[in-house]
Amino acid sequence: MRNLIPLVKALYADESGQDLVEYALIAVLVALVAISGLTSLGSTIASKYNSITSTVGAQ
């Protein structure tokens, strides 16, 4: 038990690998924003194509 307390304190103070986790979180956030933006843009483009198709098909 005496060896466990210093080990826990050392692990708590160790900050190696923290940058990697932060970069991974930023990458996930960027990916989520890109996916949501492209999904919204894709539905907008699809509705425009459907409008053009119906206009051209009516003539």
C-alpha atoms as a PDB file:
ATOM      1  CA  MET A   1       0.000   0.000   0.000  1.00  0.00           C
ATOM      2  CA  ARG A   2       2.928   2.321   0.687  1.00  0.00           C
ATOM      3  CA  ASN A   3       4.179   1.840  -2.863  1.00  0.00           C
ATOM      4  CA  LEU A   4       0.775   2.546  -4.367  1.00  0.00           C
ATOM      5  CA  ILE A   5       0.390   6.139  -3.138  1.00  0.00           C
ATOM      6  CA  PRO A   6       3.639   7.447  -4.702  1.00  0.00           C
ATOM      7  CA  LEU A   7       2.789   5.602  -7.913  1.00  0.00           C
ATOM      8  CA  VAL A   8      -0.620   7.257  -8.109  1.00  0.00           C
ATOM      9  CA  LYS A   9       0.911  10.663  -7.404  1.00  0.00           C
ATOM     10  CA  ALA A  10       3.527  10.120 -10.117  1.00  0.00           C
ATOM     11  CA  LEU A  11       0.891   9.059 -12.644  1.00  0.00           C
ATOM     12  CA  TYR A  12      -1.236  12.079 -11.793  1.00  0.00           C
ATOM     13  CA  ALA A  13       1.699  14.461 -12.311  1.00  0.00           C
ATOM     14  CA  ASP A  14       2.824  12.822 -15.575  1.00  0.00           C
ATOM     15  CA  GLU A  15       1.645  14.854 -18.576  1.00  0.00           C
ATOM     16  CA  SER A  16       3.246  12.891 -21.393  1.00  0.00           C
ATOM     17  CA  GLY A  17       0.789  12.028 -24.116  1.00  0.00           C
ATOM     18  CA  GLN A  18      -1.473  14.933 -23.240  1.00  0.00           C
ATOM     19  CA  ASP A  19      -0.703  16.760 -26.505  1.00  0.00           C
ATOM     20  CA  LEU A  20      -1.620  13.703 -28.542  1.00  0.00           C
ATOM     21  CA  VAL A  21      -5.017  13.493 -26.868  1.00  0.00           C
ATOM     22  CA  GLU A  22      -5.648  17.190 -27.474  1.00  0.00           C
ATOM     23  CA  TYR A  23      -4.735  16.889 -31.167  1.00  0.00           C
ATOM     24  CA  ALA A  24      -6.977  13.841 -31.510  1.00  0.00           C
ATOM     25  CA  LEU A  25      -9.909  15.734 -29.967  1.00  0.00           C
ATOM     26  CA  ILE A  26      -9.351  18.652 -32.335  1.00  0.00           C
ATOM     27  CA  ALA A  27      -9.210  16.279 -35.317  1.00  0.00           C
ATOM     28  CA  VAL A  28     -12.478  14.644 -34.250  1.00  0.00           C
ATOM     29  CA  LEU A  29     -14.125  18.052 -33.861  1.00  0.00           C
ATOM     30  CA  VAL A  30     -12.972  19.144 -37.321  1.00  0.00           C
ATOM     31  CA  ALA A  31     -14.226  15.876 -38.821  1.00  0.00           C
ATOM     32  CA  LEU A  32     -17.646  16.264 -37.189  1.00  0.00           C
ATOM     33  CA  VAL A  33     -18.000  19.833 -38.459  1.00  0.00           C
ATOM     34  CA  ALA A  34     -16.960  18.776 -41.960  1.00  0.00           C
ATOM     35  CA  ILE A  35     -19.380  15.848 -42.018  1.00  0.00           C
ATOM     36  CA  SER A  36     -22.303  17.916 -40.801  1.00  0.00           C
ATOM     37  CA  GLY A  37     -21.514  20.713 -43.233  1.00  0.00           C
ATOM     38  CA  LEU A  38     -21.185  18.382 -46.202  1.00  0.00           C
ATOM     39  CA  THR A  39     -24.399  16.590 -45.271  1.00  0.00           C
ATOM     40  CA  SER A  40     -26.274  19.883 -45.208  1.00  0.00           C
ATOM     41  CA  LEU A  41     -24.640  21.023 -48.431  1.00  0.00           C
ATOM     42  CA  GLY A  42     -25.434  17.700 -50.111  1.00  0.00           C
ATOM     43  CA  SER A  43     -29.146  17.943 -49.359  1.00  0.00           C
ATOM     44  CA  THR A  44     -29.204  21.547 -50.612  1.00  0.00           C
ATOM     45  CA  ILE A  45     -27.502  20.569 -53.863  1.00  0.00           C
ATOM     46  CA  ALA A  46     -29.857  17.613 -54.308  1.00  0.00           C
ATOM     47  CA  SER A  47     -32.896  19.854 -53.941  1.00  0.00           C
ATOM     48  CA  LYS A  48     -31.467  22.288 -56.511  1.00  0.00           C
ATOM     49  CA  TYR A  49     -30.869  19.454 -59.002  1.00  0.00           C
ATOM     50  CA  ASN A  50     -34.414  18.169 -58.444  1.00  0.00           C
ATOM     51  CA  SER A  51     -35.764  21.666 -59.093  1.00  0.00           C
ATOM     52  CA  ILE A  52     -33.751  21.974 -62.295  1.00  0.00           C
ATOM     53  CA  THR A  53     -34.823  18.513 -63.432  1.00  0.00           C
ATOM     54  CA  SER A  54     -38.487  19.240 -62.892  1.00  0.00           C
ATOM     55  CA  THR A  55     -38.181  22.593 -64.686  1.00  0.00           C
ATOM     56  CA  VAL A  56     -36.399  21.077 -67.708  1.00  0.00           C
ATOM     57  CA  GLY A  57     -38.758  18.079 -67.780  1.00  0.00           C
ATOM     58  CA  ALA A  58     -41.832  20.319 -67.819  1.00  0.00           C
ATOM     59  CA  GLN A  59     -40.749  22.057 -71.016  1.00  0.00           C
END
